[in-house]
Amino acid sequence: MPTTRVSRHVNAPPSAVYRALTDPEAVVRWRVPEGMSGEVHEFEAREGGHFRVSLTYDAQDEAGKSGGHTDTYHGHFARLVPDERVVEVLEFETDDPALRGAMTLTTTLVPAGSGTDVVIVHEGLPDAVSTADNETGTRMALDQLARLVEGGWRPRRP
């Protein structure tokens, strides 16, 4: 199964980036690729905690992996190392066997000057998912993450 790796420098400290990785209000703002909207159904940011997220295409001619125009995935946080790493195990909710299977998404935060190098490795992509599309979507998400945390976003909860 394919693996993708995408990185980006963010002009914010690792602590700010980590907060955006583990806050559902932030995730729905940055993890959604352009041309889609998102909804967080469940989100427990703790090791072993579960999450469920839907991404819906704005264009009515785009088919979702979970049916209609939506990609829904669920999973759990396998590892959380504050300000350093988030490891998520997730899978699409789908009837299509070519899209099934657990994937691992590892986000590593590396201090770099006054900012952070964010590295996302996506392992176990189903063969039916284009690695080029996955990389493009991840780049879009990282650009949105950068805009969010560089813009001074702060979580509502402590």
Protein backbone atom coordinates (compact mmCIF):
# COMPACT_ATOMS: atom_id res chain seq x y z
CA MET A 1 0.00 0.00 0.00
CA PRO A 2 1.34 3.43 -0.92
CA THR A 3 2.87 6.01 1.41
CA THR A 4 2.99 9.78 0.99
CA ARG A 5 5.18 12.33 2.77
CA VAL A 6 4.51 16.07 2.71
CA SER A 7 6.24 18.79 4.73
CA ARG A 8 5.89 22.52 5.21
CA HIS A 9 7.48 25.19 7.37
CA VAL A 10 5.04 27.06 9.61
CA ASN A 11 5.90 30.37 11.27
CA ALA A 12 4.52 29.38 14.66
CA PRO A 13 5.95 27.43 17.58
CA PRO A 14 5.38 23.67 17.88
CA SER A 15 3.00 24.24 20.81
CA ALA A 16 0.63 26.31 18.63
CA VAL A 17 0.76 23.76 15.81
CA TYR A 18 0.15 20.87 18.21
CA ARG A 19 -2.92 22.64 19.64
CA ALA A 20 -4.32 22.99 16.12
CA LEU A 21 -3.74 19.27 15.49
CA THR A 22 -5.64 18.27 18.61
CA ASP A 23 -8.53 20.75 18.67
CA PRO A 24 -11.69 19.77 16.74
CA GLU A 25 -12.60 23.38 15.93
CA ALA A 26 -9.18 23.88 14.36
CA VAL A 27 -9.16 20.54 12.54
CA VAL A 28 -12.40 21.37 10.73
CA ARG A 29 -10.80 24.65 9.61
CA TRP A 30 -7.44 23.40 8.36
CA ARG A 31 -7.70 19.73 7.44
CA VAL A 32 -10.40 20.25 4.82
CA PRO A 33 -8.99 20.58 1.28
CA GLU A 34 -10.12 23.44 -0.94
CA GLY A 35 -13.43 22.68 -2.61
CA MET A 36 -14.73 20.76 0.41
CA SER A 37 -16.41 21.46 3.73
CA GLY A 38 -15.92 19.49 6.92
CA GLU A 39 -17.78 18.27 9.96
CA VAL A 40 -16.29 16.74 13.10
CA HIS A 41 -18.73 14.18 14.55
CA GLU A 42 -16.51 12.88 17.35
CA PHE A 43 -13.09 13.96 18.59
CA GLU A 44 -11.33 12.78 21.76
CA ALA A 45 -7.75 14.07 21.61
CA ARG A 46 -6.13 11.57 23.96
CA GLU A 47 -4.21 8.37 23.31
CA GLY A 48 -6.84 5.77 22.49
CA GLY A 49 -9.45 8.50 21.94
CA HIS A 50 -11.68 8.21 18.91
CA PHE A 51 -12.56 10.62 16.12
CA ARG A 52 -14.96 10.67 13.19
CA VAL A 53 -14.83 13.33 10.47
CA SER A 54 -16.70 13.94 7.21
CA LEU A 55 -15.42 15.94 4.25
CA THR A 56 -18.01 16.89 1.64
CA TYR A 57 -17.26 18.08 -1.89
CA ASP A 58 -18.75 21.45 -2.81
CA ALA A 59 -19.09 20.37 -6.46
CA GLN A 60 -22.08 18.12 -7.00
CA ASP A 61 -20.24 16.16 -9.70
CA GLU A 62 -17.60 14.86 -7.26
CA ALA A 63 -18.23 11.39 -5.84
CA GLY A 64 -17.31 10.74 -2.24
CA LYS A 65 -15.62 7.60 -0.95
CA SER A 66 -18.41 7.06 1.59
CA GLY A 67 -21.32 7.76 -0.73
CA GLY A 68 -22.92 10.81 -2.22
CA HIS A 69 -20.38 13.62 -2.22
CA THR A 70 -18.79 12.77 1.14
CA ASP A 71 -15.64 11.11 2.46
CA THR A 72 -16.17 10.02 6.06
CA TYR A 73 -13.37 8.50 8.08
CA HIS A 74 -13.04 7.34 11.66
CA GLY A 75 -10.21 6.15 13.84
CA HIS A 76 -8.26 6.69 17.01
CA PHE A 77 -5.23 8.53 18.32
CA ALA A 78 -2.48 5.92 18.66
CA ARG A 79 0.14 8.31 20.07
CA LEU A 80 0.15 11.90 21.25
CA VAL A 81 3.44 13.51 22.25
CA PRO A 82 2.71 17.14 23.13
CA ASP A 83 4.41 19.63 20.80
CA GLU A 84 6.18 16.78 18.93
CA ARG A 85 3.98 14.11 17.32
CA VAL A 86 0.43 12.97 16.59
CA VAL A 87 -0.18 9.45 15.28
CA GLU A 88 -3.66 8.62 14.02
CA VAL A 89 -4.97 5.30 12.74
CA LEU A 90 -7.97 5.82 10.49
CA GLU A 91 -10.09 4.27 7.79
CA PHE A 92 -12.73 5.36 5.35
CA GLU A 93 -16.34 4.42 5.96
CA THR A 94 -17.11 2.80 2.63
CA ASP A 95 -18.67 -0.22 0.97
CA ASP A 96 -15.92 -0.20 -1.68
CA PRO A 97 -13.35 -2.91 -0.85
CA ALA A 98 -10.69 -1.00 -2.85
CA LEU A 99 -10.92 1.87 -0.32
CA ARG A 100 -10.99 -0.20 2.87
CA GLY A 101 -8.18 -0.74 5.33
CA ALA A 102 -6.48 1.01 8.19
CA MET A 103 -4.13 3.88 7.38
CA THR A 104 -1.62 5.55 9.69
CA LEU A 105 -1.19 9.31 9.63
CA THR A 106 1.89 10.53 11.52
CA THR A 107 2.42 14.26 11.98
CA THR A 108 5.83 15.24 13.32
CA LEU A 109 6.68 18.75 14.55
CA VAL A 110 10.32 19.80 14.35
CA PRO A 111 11.40 23.15 15.85
CA ALA A 112 13.04 25.25 13.13
CA GLY A 113 14.21 28.72 14.08
CA SER A 114 11.20 30.64 15.36
CA GLY A 115 8.81 28.24 13.63
CA THR A 116 8.08 24.59 13.04
CA ASP A 117 8.69 22.14 10.23
CA VAL A 118 5.53 20.03 9.97
CA VAL A 119 5.98 16.61 8.36
CA ILE A 120 2.96 14.43 7.55
CA VAL A 121 3.50 10.79 6.55
CA HIS A 122 0.42 8.88 5.39
CA GLU A 123 1.03 5.11 5.36
CA GLY A 124 -1.22 2.36 4.11
CA LEU A 125 -3.18 4.38 1.57
CA PRO A 126 -5.62 2.12 -0.26
CA ASP A 127 -4.47 1.43 -3.81
CA ALA A 128 -7.64 3.13 -5.10
CA VAL A 129 -6.51 6.46 -3.60
CA SER A 130 -4.24 8.43 -5.90
CA THR A 131 -0.97 9.31 -4.15
CA ALA A 132 -0.83 12.52 -6.22
CA ASP A 133 -4.32 13.53 -5.05
CA ASN A 134 -3.42 12.62 -1.45
CA GLU A 135 -0.26 14.74 -1.61
CA THR A 136 -2.17 17.66 -3.15
CA GLY A 137 -4.85 17.49 -0.46
CA THR A 138 -2.21 17.27 2.28
CA ARG A 139 -0.34 20.30 0.86
CA MET A 140 -3.62 22.27 0.82
CA ALA A 141 -4.31 21.26 4.41
CA LEU A 142 -0.80 22.26 5.54
CA ASP A 143 -1.19 25.64 3.82
CA GLN A 144 -4.45 26.16 5.71
CA LEU A 145 -2.82 25.01 8.96
CA ALA A 146 -0.08 27.59 8.43
CA ARG A 147 -2.60 30.38 7.78
CA LEU A 148 -4.55 29.37 10.89
CA VAL A 149 -1.68 29.26 13.39
CA GLU A 150 0.30 32.10 11.83
CA GLY A 151 -2.86 34.21 12.11
CA GLY A 152 -2.81 33.83 15.88
CA TRP A 153 -5.60 31.27 16.27
CA ARG A 154 -6.12 30.14 19.85
CA PRO A 155 -8.39 27.32 21.06
CA ARG A 156 -11.54 28.29 22.96
CA ARG A 157 -10.95 25.63 25.59
CA PRO A 158 -7.92 25.76 27.92
